[in-house]
Amino acid sequence: MGDGYKVVLTADETMMSTYGGRLFFGFLTTGPVSGFIPLPLMERFVLTPPPSDEEGRVLLAPHGLRRVEATLLESGVVDEDEVIVAHPHNLRRVVGSETKAILISAIDPLGMGPASTTFAGPYGVMHAESLTKRKFRELVCSDIIQSVRRRGGVVMVGGPGAWQLSEDAMLDYGIDLVVVGEGEKLVPRLVSDVLSGWRPSGPLIVHATRADVPSAEEIPKLRGGTIGGLVEISRGCGRGCKFCSPTMRLLRHRSVEDVVEDVRVNVKCGQAGVCLHAEDVLQYGGTPFRKRPEKVVELFERVAEVPGLKSMGISHASLASIVEMPNIVARLSEIMGLGDGRWIGYQTGIETGSPRLIERWMRFKPYPFKPKDWPDVVEQAFAISNDCNWVPAATLIVNLPGETEDDVMKTVELIDRLRPYKSIMVPLLFVPMRESGECRRMRFVEDATPAHWELYRAIWDHDMYWLRRVTSEYLRNQPVMRGTSLLIRLVVGLVTWYANGRVRRFIERRRQEALSRALVVGRAA
């Protein structure tokens, strides 16, 4: 299109990639630019661009951008020949003099998310810029994006990471408008204003209000395929864990018909497998305090019947829900065809082994069980998962507000109990969505206490015990680009054979140093 599309939707390469064929490899992009995997290898084998048509339109796109695309079309703000979703590499083909708005989805624009903060940046393991931050800056500050602003157009950023952008950051990056919160109702109004000639006089941050939150029926169906075959089945959580953004959202469930239609769209776009997404897939159709297992089973059965679909998986599941409904977990495994070495991975949050911290910050996370039962709930959920061929990828939060040495050691004890169960664990620094007087910033290495080093040791030992087996089985049973598969195997081999001993010695040395500092402080007191 010579003069460009009126509205162009895009995202930086850490989002607009197929990750060599497996969605969860995207977490590698939260590491530092000078990390364990050299940037050229990351760009070649992990940041693999999705296919595009002759016009520059991507055939697969991030899930959030697909929702925005659909809502713009359904609202009538633009016609199909006026909007396009494009990879950064194709922007010069689709941006022109007629382009009035560039909409950018961001998940971690300043490297302030839990994973990137832990592994990169001023508080991370390596004090280097995260790849997510580097690629976002390269995109937004590029000449092709800024040329739209020079011609009077508007650069708008939204998505899960929009909260990271302040007005100062917007001035530095050349961003006109930031949308924080759900955008299905808000974005069409803003884009309509922009197309009518409106432009903010300065950096403007717009927060979605309660009235802007769409009902389940108002969430538009996908118009194109999504990266990883991601299909949203529910939005929100409702368990009320403090400092967690999904719990701040109203819990809604999309209809089975809408979910199935989104799956059909993905299959039509060449996706043989889909990933059903919710903060807890076992909560589908119910409320935070009442499960509807028949609804969950119905959904999975209907999705499995879609012609052309060869595999399905899930994004997240609650450990408490797994313990509450072990028979449903087993039934879903049957529907997904698991067994005989074929398993699915899912993300979940252990967060802490301390019942005291669970009671204080995540009181309803164990529901219908009690906070005091949390360690037992976690172990039972891991056991059920392994029996049903579900493999947890679990997070643990470091530096929760009010955390004590005893709280950390309770988490260490829990990790040791989980050794028999196939799983991977990741420690993440606590990142509040808003400032709190109880939250003290902590550097992952320099500020770690002796108990933290015990925690790091426990996590490292657990992951080294399972990493090679999990990786080998995952790559064997999943469609992954050959080059990406070789790279992942190489990295895992280097970690388990070469880095393992060095990391263990590093942890022990740092633990001893932390003990010495604690003794000095204790004597001074």
Protein backbone atom coordinates (compact mmCIF):
# COMPACT_ATOMS: atom_id res chain seq x y z
CA MET A 1 0.00 0.00 0.00
CA GLY A 2 1.97 2.98 -1.29
CA ASP A 3 0.61 5.69 1.03
CA GLY A 4 0.44 3.38 4.03
CA TYR A 5 -2.38 2.09 6.21
CA LYS A 6 -4.27 4.56 8.39
CA VAL A 7 -3.72 2.43 11.51
CA VAL A 8 -0.71 0.16 11.99
CA LEU A 9 -0.50 -2.33 14.85
CA THR A 10 2.86 -3.77 15.86
CA ALA A 11 5.04 -4.92 18.75
CA ASP A 12 8.76 -5.28 19.31
CA GLU A 13 10.58 -8.45 18.29
CA THR A 14 10.44 -10.03 21.76
CA MET A 15 6.65 -10.19 21.34
CA MET A 16 6.30 -10.45 17.56
CA SER A 17 8.15 -13.77 17.32
CA THR A 18 7.29 -17.46 17.14
CA TYR A 19 10.27 -18.38 19.38
CA GLY A 20 11.32 -21.21 17.13
CA GLY A 21 7.93 -22.87 17.44
CA ARG A 22 7.32 -22.92 21.20
CA LEU A 23 5.60 -20.05 23.00
CA PHE A 24 7.29 -20.55 26.37
CA PHE A 25 10.76 -20.00 24.90
CA GLY A 26 9.71 -16.35 24.85
CA PHE A 27 10.75 -16.09 28.48
CA LEU A 28 14.37 -16.20 27.30
CA THR A 29 13.89 -12.62 26.08
CA THR A 30 13.59 -11.32 29.65
CA GLY A 31 17.30 -11.97 30.20
CA PRO A 32 20.10 -9.44 29.73
CA VAL A 33 21.33 -8.53 26.26
CA SER A 34 24.80 -9.74 27.27
CA GLY A 35 23.36 -12.92 28.75
CA PHE A 36 24.22 -16.58 28.43
CA ILE A 37 22.84 -16.77 24.88
CA PRO A 38 24.63 -14.29 22.56
CA LEU A 39 22.32 -11.77 20.91
CA PRO A 40 23.00 -12.98 17.33
CA LEU A 41 21.92 -16.50 18.31
CA MET A 42 18.83 -15.15 20.09
CA GLU A 43 17.87 -13.16 17.02
CA ARG A 44 18.48 -16.10 14.70
CA PHE A 45 16.89 -18.96 16.62
CA VAL A 46 14.55 -17.48 19.28
CA LEU A 47 13.28 -14.18 17.87
CA THR A 48 11.98 -15.93 14.77
CA PRO A 49 9.49 -13.70 12.93
CA PRO A 50 6.06 -15.07 12.05
CA PRO A 51 5.23 -15.44 8.35
CA SER A 52 3.79 -12.42 6.52
CA ASP A 53 1.81 -12.09 3.31
CA GLU A 54 2.89 -10.07 0.28
CA GLU A 55 1.44 -6.88 1.78
CA GLY A 56 3.44 -7.21 5.00
CA ARG A 57 0.54 -8.46 7.13
CA VAL A 58 1.63 -11.06 9.70
CA LEU A 59 -0.25 -14.35 9.66
CA LEU A 60 0.38 -14.83 13.39
CA ALA A 61 0.43 -12.02 15.94
CA PRO A 62 0.50 -11.49 19.72
CA HIS A 63 -2.87 -12.27 21.26
CA GLY A 64 -3.38 -8.73 22.60
CA LEU A 65 -2.82 -7.14 19.20
CA ARG A 66 -5.35 -9.50 17.66
CA ARG A 67 -7.97 -8.37 20.18
CA VAL A 68 -7.25 -4.71 19.39
CA GLU A 69 -7.42 -5.42 15.66
CA ALA A 70 -10.78 -7.14 16.11
CA THR A 71 -12.28 -4.41 18.27
CA LEU A 72 -11.24 -1.68 15.83
CA LEU A 73 -12.94 -3.54 12.99
CA GLU A 74 -16.07 -4.47 14.94
CA SER A 75 -16.51 -0.89 16.16
CA GLY A 76 -16.40 0.41 12.60
CA VAL A 77 -13.57 2.83 13.36
CA VAL A 78 -11.59 1.43 10.40
CA ASP A 79 -12.27 -0.79 7.43
CA GLU A 80 -10.22 -3.91 6.77
CA ASP A 81 -8.14 -2.15 4.11
CA GLU A 82 -7.24 0.65 6.56
CA VAL A 83 -5.63 -1.36 9.36
CA ILE A 84 -2.78 -3.87 9.41
CA VAL A 85 -0.81 -5.89 11.95
CA ALA A 86 2.83 -5.92 10.91
CA HIS A 87 6.23 -7.13 12.11
CA PRO A 88 8.79 -4.37 12.83
CA HIS A 89 10.84 -5.57 9.84
CA ASN A 90 7.89 -4.77 7.54
CA LEU A 91 6.97 -1.32 8.83
CA ARG A 92 8.52 0.53 5.88
CA ARG A 93 6.18 -1.40 3.60
CA VAL A 94 3.00 -0.50 5.50
CA VAL A 95 3.67 2.96 7.01
CA GLY A 96 3.20 5.96 4.75
CA SER A 97 1.83 9.46 4.46
CA GLU A 98 -1.73 8.24 5.21
CA THR A 99 -0.70 6.59 8.48
CA LYS A 100 -2.35 8.45 11.37
CA ALA A 101 -1.80 6.08 14.27
CA ILE A 102 0.79 3.51 15.30
CA LEU A 103 -0.49 1.19 18.03
CA ILE A 104 2.22 -0.74 19.89
CA SER A 105 1.60 -3.59 22.31
CA ALA A 106 4.16 -3.82 25.12
CA ILE A 107 4.68 -6.46 27.76
CA ASP A 108 7.93 -5.24 29.33
CA PRO A 109 8.93 -1.91 27.72
CA LEU A 110 11.36 -0.73 30.40
CA GLY A 111 12.51 -4.10 31.70
CA MET A 112 10.61 -3.65 34.97
CA GLY A 113 8.69 -6.93 34.98
CA PRO A 114 9.43 -9.64 37.57
CA ALA A 115 11.49 -11.85 35.23
CA SER A 116 13.54 -9.08 33.60
CA THR A 117 14.10 -7.36 36.96
CA THR A 118 15.42 -10.64 38.36
CA PHE A 119 17.78 -11.51 35.54
CA ALA A 120 18.78 -8.08 34.21
CA GLY A 121 18.87 -4.39 35.08
CA PRO A 122 20.13 -2.68 38.25
CA TYR A 123 18.61 -5.30 40.59
CA GLY A 124 19.14 -8.44 38.53
CA VAL A 125 21.66 -11.24 38.41
CA MET A 126 23.48 -9.40 35.62
CA HIS A 127 23.45 -5.60 35.67
CA ALA A 128 22.75 -5.21 31.99
CA GLU A 129 19.82 -4.05 29.93
CA SER A 130 17.13 -6.66 29.35
CA LEU A 131 16.45 -7.75 25.80
CA THR A 132 12.81 -6.71 26.20
CA LYS A 133 13.83 -3.14 26.99
CA ARG A 134 16.42 -3.02 24.20
CA LYS A 135 14.01 -4.21 21.50
CA PHE A 136 11.18 -1.93 22.66
CA ARG A 137 13.46 1.10 22.50
CA GLU A 138 14.75 0.11 19.07
CA LEU A 139 11.20 -0.13 17.76
CA VAL A 140 9.63 2.98 19.28
CA CYS A 141 12.63 5.23 18.64
CA SER A 142 13.08 4.01 15.07
CA ASP A 143 12.92 6.57 12.30
CA ILE A 144 9.91 4.90 10.68
CA ILE A 145 7.85 5.17 13.90
CA GLN A 146 8.94 8.71 14.68
CA SER A 147 8.26 9.81 11.09
CA VAL A 148 4.57 9.27 11.81
CA ARG A 149 4.77 11.71 14.73
CA ARG A 150 6.63 14.27 12.63
CA ARG A 151 3.75 14.19 10.15
CA GLY A 152 1.22 14.80 12.92
CA GLY A 153 0.28 11.19 13.67
CA VAL A 154 0.06 9.58 17.08
CA VAL A 155 2.17 6.81 18.64
CA MET A 156 0.06 4.89 21.16
CA VAL A 157 1.31 2.14 23.53
CA GLY A 158 -0.81 -0.31 25.50
CA GLY A 159 -0.65 -3.88 26.77
CA PRO A 160 0.33 -5.64 30.00
CA GLY A 161 3.50 -3.56 30.42
CA ALA A 162 1.95 -0.12 29.85
CA TRP A 163 2.07 0.59 33.60
CA GLN A 164 5.86 0.89 33.35
CA LEU A 165 5.72 4.04 31.20
CA SER A 166 5.77 7.40 32.96
CA GLU A 167 5.37 10.78 31.25
CA ASP A 168 9.15 11.26 31.43
CA ALA A 169 9.70 7.92 29.70
CA MET A 170 7.16 8.88 27.06
CA LEU A 171 9.08 12.09 26.33
CA ASP A 172 12.36 10.16 26.10
CA TYR A 173 10.92 7.54 23.75
CA GLY A 174 8.66 9.74 21.64
CA ILE A 175 5.31 8.28 22.74
CA ASP A 176 2.16 10.38 22.61
CA LEU A 177 -0.41 8.21 24.35
CA VAL A 178 -0.32 5.30 26.80
CA VAL A 179 -3.38 3.18 27.58
CA VAL A 180 -3.30 1.33 30.91
CA GLY A 181 -5.84 -1.42 31.41
CA GLU A 182 -8.21 -3.31 29.13
CA GLY A 183 -8.61 -1.55 25.81
CA GLU A 184 -11.49 -3.18 23.92
CA LYS A 185 -13.82 -0.23 24.58
CA LEU A 186 -11.30 2.55 25.16
CA VAL A 187 -8.94 2.11 22.22
CA PRO A 188 -11.58 2.46 19.46
CA ARG A 189 -12.70 5.79 20.93
CA LEU A 190 -9.14 7.08 21.10
CA VAL A 191 -8.29 5.91 17.59
CA SER A 192 -11.50 7.48 16.26
CA ASP A 193 -10.46 10.80 17.82
CA VAL A 194 -6.99 10.51 16.29
CA LEU A 195 -8.40 9.80 12.83
CA SER A 196 -10.59 12.88 13.24
CA GLY A 197 -7.51 15.03 13.76
CA TRP A 198 -7.07 15.02 17.53
CA ARG A 199 -3.60 14.72 19.03
CA PRO A 200 -2.58 15.02 22.69
CA SER A 201 -0.82 18.30 23.48
CA GLY A 202 1.73 16.37 25.52
CA PRO A 203 2.36 12.89 26.90
CA LEU A 204 -1.01 11.51 27.97
CA ILE A 205 -1.62 8.42 30.11
CA VAL A 206 -5.20 7.15 29.97
CA HIS A 207 -6.41 4.59 32.51
CA ALA A 208 -9.33 2.35 31.61
CA THR A 209 -12.21 2.91 34.03
CA ARG A 210 -14.70 0.37 35.32
CA ALA A 211 -17.04 1.41 32.51
CA ASP A 212 -14.32 0.60 29.99
CA VAL A 213 -14.01 -3.03 31.09
CA PRO A 214 -15.71 -5.29 28.54
CA SER A 215 -18.02 -8.08 29.54
CA ALA A 216 -17.16 -11.58 28.33
CA GLU A 217 -19.59 -11.11 25.44
CA GLU A 218 -17.91 -7.81 24.47
CA ILE A 219 -14.46 -9.35 24.07
CA PRO A 220 -14.20 -9.61 20.26
CA LYS A 221 -13.43 -12.87 18.49
CA LEU A 222 -10.06 -13.18 16.78
CA ARG A 223 -9.69 -12.15 13.13
CA GLY A 224 -6.33 -13.88 12.67
CA GLY A 225 -3.98 -16.46 14.12
CA THR A 226 -2.07 -15.88 17.33
CA ILE A 227 1.52 -16.65 18.24
CA GLY A 228 1.66 -19.97 20.04
CA GLY A 229 -1.99 -20.57 19.17
CA LEU A 230 -2.90 -18.66 22.34
CA VAL A 231 -6.66 -18.46 22.90
CA GLU A 232 -8.12 -16.63 25.88
CA ILE A 233 -10.84 -18.54 27.72
CA SER A 234 -11.14 -16.38 30.85
CA ARG A 235 -9.96 -12.98 31.99
CA GLY A 236 -9.20 -11.95 35.57
CA CYS A 237 -8.68 -14.12 38.62
CA GLY A 238 -10.60 -13.06 41.70
CA ARG A 239 -8.46 -14.71 44.37
CA GLY A 240 -7.41 -11.27 45.60
CA CYS A 241 -3.65 -11.71 46.00
CA LYS A 242 -2.26 -8.27 46.77
CA PHE A 243 0.17 -6.62 44.31
CA CYS A 244 -0.95 -8.94 41.48
CA SER A 245 -2.55 -7.23 38.49
CA PRO A 246 -4.75 -10.14 37.24
CA THR A 247 -6.49 -10.27 40.64
CA MET A 248 -7.46 -6.63 40.15
CA ARG A 249 -9.51 -7.59 37.08
CA LEU A 250 -13.11 -8.73 37.16
CA LEU A 251 -13.31 -12.48 36.50
CA ARG A 252 -15.12 -13.25 33.24
CA HIS A 253 -15.43 -16.40 31.14
CA ARG A 254 -15.85 -16.34 27.38
CA SER A 255 -18.50 -18.61 25.93
CA VAL A 256 -17.56 -22.04 24.64
CA GLU A 257 -18.75 -20.96 21.19
CA ASP A 258 -16.45 -17.92 21.13
CA VAL A 259 -13.46 -19.94 22.32
CA VAL A 260 -14.09 -22.66 19.74
CA GLU A 261 -14.38 -20.04 17.00
CA ASP A 262 -11.00 -18.56 18.03
CA VAL A 263 -9.51 -22.06 17.87
CA ARG A 264 -10.96 -22.54 14.38
CA VAL A 265 -9.41 -19.25 13.26
CA ASN A 266 -6.01 -20.40 14.51
CA VAL A 267 -6.28 -23.76 12.77
CA LYS A 268 -7.29 -22.00 9.56
CA CYS A 269 -4.13 -19.88 9.90
CA GLY A 270 -1.95 -22.97 10.11
CA GLN A 271 -1.77 -23.54 13.85
CA ALA A 272 -2.07 -27.27 14.53
CA GLY A 273 -1.95 -26.70 18.28
CA VAL A 274 -3.48 -24.15 20.64
CA CYS A 275 -2.79 -23.00 24.18
CA LEU A 276 -5.89 -22.22 26.24
CA HIS A 277 -5.16 -19.17 28.35
CA ALA A 278 -6.51 -18.09 31.74
CA GLU A 279 -5.00 -17.28 35.10
CA ASP A 280 -6.45 -20.64 36.16
CA VAL A 281 -7.96 -22.82 33.42
CA LEU A 282 -9.64 -24.99 36.07
CA GLN A 283 -11.67 -21.99 37.19
CA TYR A 284 -13.40 -21.70 33.80
CA GLY A 285 -17.15 -21.18 34.07
CA GLY A 286 -17.09 -20.70 37.83
CA THR A 287 -16.35 -18.06 40.43
CA PRO A 288 -13.30 -17.57 42.66
CA PHE A 289 -15.04 -19.67 45.30
CA ARG A 290 -17.13 -22.13 43.31
CA LYS A 291 -15.80 -24.38 40.60
CA ARG A 292 -17.86 -25.63 37.66
CA PRO A 293 -15.95 -28.77 36.62
CA GLU A 294 -18.59 -29.76 34.08
CA LYS A 295 -17.99 -26.46 32.26
CA VAL A 296 -14.24 -27.07 32.15
CA VAL A 297 -14.69 -30.55 30.71
CA GLU A 298 -17.26 -29.33 28.17
CA LEU A 299 -14.86 -26.62 26.96
CA PHE A 300 -11.95 -29.02 26.50
CA GLU A 301 -14.12 -31.60 24.76
CA ARG A 302 -15.50 -29.01 22.34
CA VAL A 303 -12.06 -27.62 21.54
CA ALA A 304 -10.66 -31.12 20.97
CA GLU A 305 -13.37 -31.71 18.34
CA VAL A 306 -12.23 -28.82 16.11
CA PRO A 307 -11.22 -30.31 12.74
CA GLY A 308 -7.51 -30.02 12.02
CA LEU A 309 -6.47 -29.47 15.63
CA LYS A 310 -3.71 -31.89 16.61
CA SER A 311 -2.76 -30.76 20.10
CA MET A 312 -3.83 -28.46 22.90
CA GLY A 313 -2.29 -27.21 26.10
CA ILE A 314 -2.86 -24.68 28.85
CA SER A 315 -1.06 -21.58 30.07
CA HIS A 316 -1.78 -21.43 33.84
CA ALA A 317 -3.39 -23.51 36.54
CA SER A 318 -3.83 -22.95 40.26
CA LEU A 319 -2.26 -25.52 42.55
CA ALA A 320 -5.24 -25.30 44.91
CA SER A 321 -7.64 -26.02 42.03
CA ILE A 322 -5.60 -29.08 41.06
CA VAL A 323 -5.87 -30.49 44.58
CA GLU A 324 -9.56 -29.60 44.74
CA MET A 325 -10.36 -31.38 41.46
CA PRO A 326 -7.85 -34.19 40.81
CA ASN A 327 -10.40 -36.22 38.84
CA ILE A 328 -10.97 -33.30 36.47
CA VAL A 329 -7.22 -32.95 35.92
CA ALA A 330 -7.11 -36.63 34.99
CA ARG A 331 -10.08 -36.23 32.65
CA LEU A 332 -8.51 -33.24 30.90
CA SER A 333 -5.33 -35.27 30.41
CA GLU A 334 -7.39 -37.93 28.62
CA ILE A 335 -9.01 -35.31 26.38
CA MET A 336 -5.60 -33.83 25.52
CA GLY A 337 -4.19 -37.27 24.77
CA LEU A 338 -1.44 -37.16 27.39
CA GLY A 339 0.54 -40.20 28.49
CA ASP A 340 3.34 -42.46 27.26
CA GLY A 341 5.93 -39.71 27.69
CA ARG A 342 3.68 -36.99 26.27
CA TRP A 343 3.00 -34.21 28.77
CA ILE A 344 2.08 -30.55 28.90
CA GLY A 345 3.81 -27.79 30.83
CA TYR A 346 1.90 -25.10 32.67
CA GLN A 347 2.77 -22.02 34.66
CA THR A 348 1.81 -21.72 38.30
CA GLY A 349 2.77 -19.77 41.38
CA ILE A 350 4.10 -21.31 44.56
CA GLU A 351 5.42 -17.87 45.57
CA THR A 352 6.32 -18.87 49.13
CA GLY A 353 6.38 -21.81 51.50
CA SER A 354 5.47 -19.58 54.42
CA PRO A 355 1.85 -19.91 55.60
CA ARG A 356 2.32 -16.58 57.41
CA LEU A 357 3.04 -14.71 54.19
CA ILE A 358 0.24 -16.56 52.40
CA GLU A 359 -2.17 -15.46 55.12
CA ARG A 360 -0.96 -11.87 54.91
CA TRP A 361 -0.73 -11.29 51.15
CA MET A 362 -2.45 -14.21 49.38
CA ARG A 363 -5.14 -15.31 51.79
CA PHE A 364 -7.40 -16.90 49.19
CA LYS A 365 -4.67 -18.40 47.03
CA PRO A 366 -5.08 -21.83 48.76
CA TYR A 367 -8.90 -21.71 48.73
CA PRO A 368 -10.82 -23.95 49.46
CA PHE A 369 -7.94 -24.88 51.75
CA LYS A 370 -6.45 -22.75 54.53
CA PRO A 371 -3.24 -20.70 54.39
CA LYS A 372 -1.75 -22.98 57.05
CA ASP A 373 -2.19 -25.91 54.64
CA TRP A 374 -0.34 -24.25 51.75
CA PRO A 375 2.88 -26.35 51.79
CA ASP A 376 0.83 -29.56 51.79
CA VAL A 377 -1.42 -28.23 49.02
CA VAL A 378 1.62 -27.45 46.86
CA GLU A 379 3.11 -30.92 47.30
CA GLN A 380 -0.21 -32.65 46.61
CA ALA A 381 -0.70 -30.54 43.48
CA PHE A 382 2.77 -31.46 42.20
CA ALA A 383 2.07 -35.13 42.84
CA ILE A 384 -1.29 -35.02 41.03
CA SER A 385 0.29 -33.10 38.16
CA ASN A 386 3.01 -35.71 37.71
CA ASP A 387 0.45 -38.53 37.84
CA CYS A 388 -1.57 -36.80 35.10
CA ASN A 389 1.39 -35.79 32.91
CA TRP A 390 1.23 -32.08 33.77
CA VAL A 391 4.63 -30.51 34.46
CA PRO A 392 4.65 -27.32 36.59
CA ALA A 393 6.86 -24.34 35.78
CA ALA A 394 6.56 -22.64 39.13
CA THR A 395 7.53 -19.16 40.32
CA LEU A 396 8.80 -18.25 43.77
CA ILE A 397 8.74 -14.62 44.93
CA VAL A 398 11.87 -13.27 46.59
CA ASN A 399 11.54 -10.29 48.95
CA LEU A 400 7.81 -10.26 49.62
CA PRO A 401 6.98 -7.33 51.94
CA GLY A 402 7.61 -8.30 55.55
CA GLU A 403 9.60 -11.40 54.58
CA THR A 404 11.81 -12.81 57.36
CA GLU A 405 14.63 -15.34 57.37
CA ASP A 406 12.20 -17.88 58.82
CA ASP A 407 9.76 -17.32 55.94
CA VAL A 408 12.53 -17.94 53.42
CA MET A 409 13.67 -21.11 55.16
CA LYS A 410 10.11 -22.45 55.10
CA THR A 411 10.22 -22.02 51.33
CA VAL A 412 13.54 -23.88 51.23
CA GLU A 413 11.98 -26.75 53.17
CA LEU A 414 9.08 -26.89 50.72
CA ILE A 415 11.37 -26.97 47.68
CA ASP A 416 13.27 -29.89 49.19
CA ARG A 417 9.95 -31.73 49.57
CA LEU A 418 9.22 -31.20 45.86
CA ARG A 419 12.39 -32.87 44.57
CA PRO A 420 10.62 -36.13 43.51
CA TYR A 421 8.22 -34.30 41.17
CA LYS A 422 9.15 -33.40 37.60
CA SER A 423 9.07 -29.60 37.46
CA ILE A 424 11.07 -26.42 36.93
CA MET A 425 11.22 -23.52 39.40
CA VAL A 426 12.12 -19.87 38.87
CA PRO A 427 12.84 -17.30 41.59
CA LEU A 428 11.50 -13.83 40.81
CA LEU A 429 12.09 -10.57 42.65
CA PHE A 430 8.97 -8.99 44.07
CA VAL A 431 7.80 -6.18 41.77
CA PRO A 432 4.80 -4.22 43.10
CA MET A 433 2.37 -2.68 40.64
CA ARG A 434 2.33 0.34 42.94
CA GLU A 435 4.70 1.64 45.60
CA SER A 436 4.33 0.39 49.17
CA GLY A 437 6.02 1.58 52.34
CA GLU A 438 6.65 -2.04 53.32
CA CYS A 439 8.43 -2.87 50.08
CA ARG A 440 12.19 -2.43 50.13
CA ARG A 441 14.06 -2.76 46.86
CA MET A 442 16.46 -5.68 46.77
CA ARG A 443 19.30 -6.61 44.44
CA PHE A 444 19.12 -10.30 43.67
CA VAL A 445 22.81 -10.97 44.43
CA GLU A 446 24.27 -8.11 46.44
CA ASP A 447 21.42 -7.82 48.98
CA ALA A 448 20.69 -11.52 49.43
CA THR A 449 20.73 -12.80 53.01
CA PRO A 450 22.11 -16.19 54.08
CA ALA A 451 18.56 -17.55 53.88
CA HIS A 452 18.18 -16.23 50.33
CA TRP A 453 21.34 -18.06 49.31
CA GLU A 454 19.90 -21.23 50.81
CA LEU A 455 16.80 -20.60 48.70
CA TYR A 456 18.86 -20.08 45.54
CA ARG A 457 20.76 -23.30 46.27
CA ALA A 458 17.54 -25.26 46.73
CA ILE A 459 16.05 -23.94 43.50
CA TRP A 460 19.26 -24.51 41.54
CA ASP A 461 19.63 -28.07 42.83
CA HIS A 462 16.01 -28.85 41.96
CA ASP A 463 16.31 -27.47 38.44
CA MET A 464 19.62 -29.20 37.75
CA TYR A 465 18.03 -32.47 38.85
CA TRP A 466 15.20 -32.10 36.30
CA LEU A 467 16.40 -29.72 33.57
CA ARG A 468 18.02 -32.16 31.15
CA ARG A 469 15.14 -34.64 31.30
CA VAL A 470 12.42 -31.98 30.99
CA THR A 471 14.19 -30.28 28.08
CA SER A 472 14.89 -33.53 26.24
CA GLU A 473 11.29 -34.72 26.52
CA TYR A 474 9.89 -31.30 25.64
CA LEU A 475 11.95 -30.99 22.48
CA ARG A 476 11.27 -34.58 21.49
CA ASN A 477 7.51 -34.30 21.79
CA GLN A 478 6.94 -30.75 20.52
CA PRO A 479 7.35 -29.23 17.02
CA VAL A 480 10.39 -26.98 17.36
CA MET A 481 12.59 -25.48 14.63
CA ARG A 482 15.72 -27.58 14.23
CA GLY A 483 18.07 -24.65 14.82
CA THR A 484 16.16 -23.57 17.92
CA SER A 485 16.17 -27.13 19.25
CA LEU A 486 19.93 -27.41 18.78
CA LEU A 487 20.50 -24.06 20.49
CA ILE A 488 18.37 -25.01 23.51
CA ARG A 489 20.12 -28.37 23.82
CA LEU A 490 23.50 -26.64 23.64
CA VAL A 491 22.57 -24.12 26.31
CA VAL A 492 21.17 -26.79 28.63
CA GLY A 493 24.27 -28.92 28.09
CA LEU A 494 26.55 -25.99 28.96
CA VAL A 495 24.51 -25.20 32.06
CA THR A 496 24.38 -28.75 33.40
CA TRP A 497 27.92 -29.82 32.48
CA TYR A 498 29.96 -26.62 32.62
CA ALA A 499 28.15 -24.00 34.70
CA ASN A 500 26.62 -26.24 37.36
CA GLY A 501 29.73 -26.63 39.51
CA ARG A 502 30.70 -22.98 39.15
CA VAL A 503 27.23 -21.81 40.17
CA ARG A 504 27.22 -24.08 43.20
CA ARG A 505 30.60 -22.72 44.32
CA PHE A 506 29.43 -19.15 43.69
CA ILE A 507 26.31 -19.68 45.80
CA GLU A 508 28.32 -21.18 48.67
CA ARG A 509 30.88 -18.36 48.58
CA ARG A 510 28.17 -15.72 48.60
CA ARG A 511 26.34 -17.52 51.41
CA GLN A 512 29.46 -17.47 53.54
CA GLU A 513 30.00 -13.79 52.80
CA ALA A 514 26.39 -13.01 53.75
CA LEU A 515 26.84 -14.95 57.00
CA SER A 516 29.97 -12.95 57.81
CA ARG A 517 28.16 -9.66 57.17
CA ALA A 518 25.27 -10.75 59.36
CA LEU A 519 27.67 -11.59 62.20
CA VAL A 520 29.34 -8.19 61.93
CA VAL A 521 25.98 -6.42 61.98
CA GLY A 522 24.87 -8.53 64.93
CA ARG A 523 27.98 -7.65 66.96
CA ALA A 524 27.61 -3.95 66.13
CA ALA A 525 24.02 -4.02 67.33
